[in-house]
Amino acid sequence: GDLLPADGVLIQGNDLKIDESALTGESDHVRKSPDKDPLLLSGTHVMEGSGRMVVTAVGANSQSGIIFTLLGAGGDDDEGDRRDRRGG
């Protein structure tokens, strides 16, 4: 399916099903509609249907961007701690 490049709110949809396993670990596809569960997250894949959304966040401000930033920040801190203990 198509990769969603940004976070957004679904404003029009036609039998839209999203694979959110990259963010949630849940393997079942999630049915989205403007009336019920309209939030779409970057990094997820459209598996069925079609829709239009209003973009609310991109890049580092999106949910996947925030996760990657936090994971990256944790890795940098660990490296710095190791250097400090070695005296470097």
N, C-alpha and C. Protein backbone atom coordinates (compact mmCIF):
# COMPACT_ATOMS: atom_id res chain seq x y z
N GLY A 1 0.81 -1.19 0.00
CA GLY A 1 0.00 0.00 0.00
C GLY A 1 0.86 1.26 0.00
N ASP A 2 0.22 2.37 -0.22
CA ASP A 2 0.89 3.67 -0.22
C ASP A 2 1.27 4.09 1.19
N LEU A 3 2.47 4.63 1.32
CA LEU A 3 2.97 5.12 2.60
C LEU A 3 2.45 6.53 2.84
N LEU A 4 1.89 6.78 4.03
CA LEU A 4 1.45 8.13 4.37
C LEU A 4 2.66 8.96 4.78
N PRO A 5 2.91 10.09 4.12
CA PRO A 5 4.11 10.89 4.39
C PRO A 5 3.94 11.90 5.51
N ALA A 6 2.71 12.05 6.03
CA ALA A 6 2.45 13.08 7.04
C ALA A 6 1.30 12.65 7.94
N ASP A 7 1.21 13.26 9.13
CA ASP A 7 0.05 13.07 9.99
C ASP A 7 -1.08 13.94 9.47
N GLY A 8 -2.31 13.50 9.69
CA GLY A 8 -3.43 14.31 9.24
C GLY A 8 -4.76 13.83 9.76
N VAL A 9 -5.80 14.57 9.39
CA VAL A 9 -7.17 14.24 9.75
C VAL A 9 -7.92 13.92 8.47
N LEU A 10 -8.55 12.76 8.44
CA LEU A 10 -9.31 12.32 7.28
C LEU A 10 -10.57 13.17 7.14
N ILE A 11 -10.77 13.76 5.97
CA ILE A 11 -11.96 14.58 5.74
C ILE A 11 -12.91 13.93 4.74
N GLN A 12 -12.40 12.97 3.96
CA GLN A 12 -13.24 12.25 3.00
C GLN A 12 -12.61 10.88 2.79
N GLY A 13 -13.41 9.83 2.91
CA GLY A 13 -12.85 8.50 2.75
C GLY A 13 -13.81 7.54 2.11
N ASN A 14 -13.25 6.52 1.45
CA ASN A 14 -14.05 5.50 0.79
C ASN A 14 -13.48 4.14 1.17
N ASP A 15 -14.08 3.48 2.18
CA ASP A 15 -13.67 2.16 2.65
C ASP A 15 -12.16 2.11 2.92
N LEU A 16 -11.66 3.07 3.68
CA LEU A 16 -10.23 3.22 3.93
C LEU A 16 -9.78 2.30 5.06
N LYS A 17 -8.77 1.49 4.78
CA LYS A 17 -8.17 0.62 5.79
C LYS A 17 -6.67 0.88 5.83
N ILE A 18 -6.14 1.07 7.04
CA ILE A 18 -4.75 1.46 7.24
C ILE A 18 -4.00 0.38 8.01
N ASP A 19 -2.78 0.10 7.61
CA ASP A 19 -1.88 -0.80 8.35
C ASP A 19 -1.02 0.08 9.26
N GLU A 20 -1.31 0.06 10.57
CA GLU A 20 -0.58 0.87 11.54
C GLU A 20 0.48 0.07 12.29
N SER A 21 0.82 -1.12 11.79
CA SER A 21 1.72 -2.00 12.52
C SER A 21 3.11 -1.41 12.73
N ALA A 22 3.54 -0.51 11.84
CA ALA A 22 4.86 0.11 12.00
C ALA A 22 4.94 0.95 13.28
N LEU A 23 3.81 1.51 13.70
CA LEU A 23 3.80 2.36 14.90
C LEU A 23 3.25 1.65 16.13
N THR A 24 2.23 0.79 15.92
CA THR A 24 1.54 0.19 17.07
C THR A 24 1.90 -1.27 17.31
N GLY A 25 2.40 -1.95 16.29
CA GLY A 25 2.66 -3.38 16.40
C GLY A 25 1.43 -4.22 16.14
N GLU A 26 0.28 -3.59 16.00
CA GLU A 26 -0.98 -4.30 15.75
C GLU A 26 -1.04 -4.71 14.28
N SER A 27 -1.23 -6.01 14.02
CA SER A 27 -1.19 -6.50 12.64
C SER A 27 -2.52 -6.32 11.90
N ASP A 28 -3.62 -6.14 12.63
CA ASP A 28 -4.92 -5.96 11.97
C ASP A 28 -5.01 -4.58 11.32
N HIS A 29 -5.64 -4.52 10.16
CA HIS A 29 -5.84 -3.24 9.48
C HIS A 29 -6.93 -2.47 10.21
N VAL A 30 -6.78 -1.15 10.28
CA VAL A 30 -7.71 -0.29 11.01
C VAL A 30 -8.58 0.46 10.01
N ARG A 31 -9.91 0.34 10.18
CA ARG A 31 -10.84 1.05 9.32
C ARG A 31 -10.92 2.51 9.79
N LYS A 32 -10.76 3.44 8.85
CA LYS A 32 -10.80 4.87 9.16
C LYS A 32 -11.97 5.51 8.43
N SER A 33 -12.59 6.49 9.09
CA SER A 33 -13.66 7.26 8.46
C SER A 33 -13.65 8.66 9.07
N PRO A 34 -14.17 9.65 8.35
CA PRO A 34 -14.19 11.02 8.89
C PRO A 34 -14.98 11.14 10.19
N ASP A 35 -15.98 10.28 10.37
CA ASP A 35 -16.83 10.35 11.56
C ASP A 35 -16.27 9.56 12.74
N LYS A 36 -15.55 8.48 12.44
CA LYS A 36 -15.06 7.59 13.49
C LYS A 36 -13.59 7.27 13.22
N ASP A 37 -12.72 7.63 14.14
CA ASP A 37 -11.28 7.40 14.02
C ASP A 37 -10.68 8.06 12.77
N PRO A 38 -10.70 9.40 12.68
CA PRO A 38 -10.22 10.10 11.49
C PRO A 38 -8.71 10.39 11.46
N LEU A 39 -7.97 10.05 12.52
CA LEU A 39 -6.55 10.41 12.57
C LEU A 39 -5.70 9.44 11.75
N LEU A 40 -4.88 10.00 10.86
CA LEU A 40 -3.96 9.23 10.04
C LEU A 40 -2.54 9.61 10.43
N LEU A 41 -1.67 8.62 10.56
CA LEU A 41 -0.31 8.87 11.04
C LEU A 41 0.73 8.55 9.97
N SER A 42 1.74 9.39 9.90
CA SER A 42 2.82 9.16 8.94
C SER A 42 3.52 7.85 9.28
N GLY A 43 4.03 7.20 8.25
CA GLY A 43 4.71 5.92 8.45
C GLY A 43 3.78 4.73 8.37
N THR A 44 2.46 4.97 8.28
CA THR A 44 1.51 3.87 8.13
C THR A 44 1.19 3.70 6.64
N HIS A 45 0.57 2.58 6.30
CA HIS A 45 0.30 2.26 4.90
C HIS A 45 -1.19 2.13 4.64
N VAL A 46 -1.64 2.67 3.50
CA VAL A 46 -3.01 2.49 3.04
C VAL A 46 -3.09 1.11 2.40
N MET A 47 -3.98 0.26 2.92
CA MET A 47 -4.12 -1.10 2.39
C MET A 47 -5.33 -1.24 1.47
N GLU A 48 -6.39 -0.50 1.76
CA GLU A 48 -7.59 -0.55 0.93
C GLU A 48 -8.24 0.83 0.92
N GLY A 49 -8.99 1.10 -0.14
CA GLY A 49 -9.78 2.32 -0.21
C GLY A 49 -8.99 3.55 -0.60
N SER A 50 -9.63 4.69 -0.39
CA SER A 50 -9.02 5.97 -0.73
C SER A 50 -9.56 7.04 0.19
N GLY A 51 -8.90 8.19 0.19
CA GLY A 51 -9.37 9.28 1.03
C GLY A 51 -8.59 10.55 0.82
N ARG A 52 -9.07 11.60 1.47
CA ARG A 52 -8.39 12.90 1.48
C ARG A 52 -8.22 13.31 2.93
N MET A 53 -7.09 13.95 3.21
CA MET A 53 -6.84 14.38 4.58
C MET A 53 -6.27 15.79 4.60
N VAL A 54 -6.45 16.44 5.73
CA VAL A 54 -5.82 17.72 6.00
C VAL A 54 -4.56 17.41 6.79
N VAL A 55 -3.42 17.83 6.30
CA VAL A 55 -2.14 17.55 6.95
C VAL A 55 -2.01 18.40 8.21
N THR A 56 -1.63 17.74 9.32
CA THR A 56 -1.47 18.44 10.59
C THR A 56 -0.01 18.49 11.05
N ALA A 57 0.83 17.57 10.57
CA ALA A 57 2.24 17.58 10.98
C ALA A 57 3.08 16.81 9.97
N VAL A 58 4.32 17.27 9.77
CA VAL A 58 5.26 16.60 8.87
C VAL A 58 6.63 16.51 9.54
N GLY A 59 7.46 15.65 9.00
CA GLY A 59 8.85 15.55 9.47
C GLY A 59 8.98 15.27 10.94
N ALA A 60 9.85 16.01 11.62
CA ALA A 60 10.14 15.79 13.04
C ALA A 60 8.94 16.10 13.93
N ASN A 61 7.94 16.83 13.42
CA ASN A 61 6.75 17.16 14.20
C ASN A 61 5.66 16.09 14.12
N SER A 62 5.81 15.13 13.21
CA SER A 62 4.82 14.06 13.09
C SER A 62 5.05 13.02 14.18
N GLN A 63 4.09 12.13 14.36
CA GLN A 63 4.22 11.10 15.40
C GLN A 63 5.42 10.20 15.15
N SER A 64 5.63 9.77 13.91
CA SER A 64 6.80 8.93 13.63
C SER A 64 8.09 9.74 13.78
N GLY A 65 8.06 11.01 13.42
CA GLY A 65 9.23 11.88 13.59
C GLY A 65 9.60 12.05 15.05
N ILE A 66 8.60 12.20 15.90
CA ILE A 66 8.84 12.32 17.34
C ILE A 66 9.45 11.04 17.88
N ILE A 67 8.92 9.89 17.45
CA ILE A 67 9.46 8.60 17.90
C ILE A 67 10.91 8.45 17.47
N PHE A 68 11.20 8.75 16.20
CA PHE A 68 12.58 8.62 15.71
C PHE A 68 13.52 9.58 16.42
N THR A 69 13.04 10.78 16.71
CA THR A 69 13.86 11.75 17.43
C THR A 69 14.19 11.25 18.83
N LEU A 70 13.19 10.72 19.51
CA LEU A 70 13.41 10.19 20.86
C LEU A 70 14.35 8.99 20.84
N LEU A 71 14.19 8.12 19.87
CA LEU A 71 15.09 6.96 19.76
C LEU A 71 16.51 7.40 19.44
N GLY A 72 16.65 8.39 18.56
CA GLY A 72 17.97 8.91 18.21
C GLY A 72 18.63 9.60 19.38
N ALA A 73 17.85 10.35 20.16
CA ALA A 73 18.39 11.06 21.32
C ALA A 73 18.87 10.07 22.37
N GLY A 74 18.14 8.97 22.54
CA GLY A 74 18.56 7.95 23.51
C GLY A 74 19.87 7.31 23.11
N GLY A 75 20.06 7.06 21.80
CA GLY A 75 21.30 6.46 21.32
C GLY A 75 22.49 7.39 21.50
N ASP A 76 22.31 8.68 21.26
CA ASP A 76 23.40 9.64 21.42
C ASP A 76 23.82 9.75 22.87
N ASP A 77 22.86 9.77 23.78
CA ASP A 77 23.17 9.89 25.21
C ASP A 77 23.97 8.68 25.68
N ASP A 78 23.63 7.50 25.20
CA ASP A 78 24.35 6.29 25.61
C ASP A 78 25.81 6.34 25.16
N GLU A 79 26.04 6.83 23.94
CA GLU A 79 27.42 6.92 23.45
C GLU A 79 28.23 7.90 24.29
N GLY A 80 27.63 9.02 24.63
CA GLY A 80 28.31 10.02 25.45
C GLY A 80 28.65 9.46 26.82
N ASP A 81 27.76 8.69 27.40
CA ASP A 81 28.01 8.08 28.71
C ASP A 81 29.20 7.13 28.64
N ARG A 82 29.30 6.36 27.55
CA ARG A 82 30.40 5.41 27.41
C ARG A 82 31.74 6.15 27.29
N ARG A 83 31.75 7.25 26.54
CA ARG A 83 32.99 8.02 26.39
C ARG A 83 33.42 8.61 27.72
N ASP A 84 32.44 9.12 28.49
CA ASP A 84 32.77 9.70 29.80
C ASP A 84 33.40 8.68 30.74
N ARG A 85 32.91 7.47 30.70
CA ARG A 85 33.45 6.43 31.60
C ARG A 85 34.84 5.98 31.19
N ARG A 86 35.15 6.10 29.90
CA ARG A 86 36.48 5.71 29.43
C ARG A 86 37.49 6.83 29.64
N GLY A 87 37.00 7.98 30.03
CA GLY A 87 37.90 9.10 30.25
C GLY A 87 38.15 9.90 29.00
N GLY A 88 37.31 9.71 27.95
CA GLY A 88 37.54 10.42 26.69
C GLY A 88 36.60 11.45 26.45
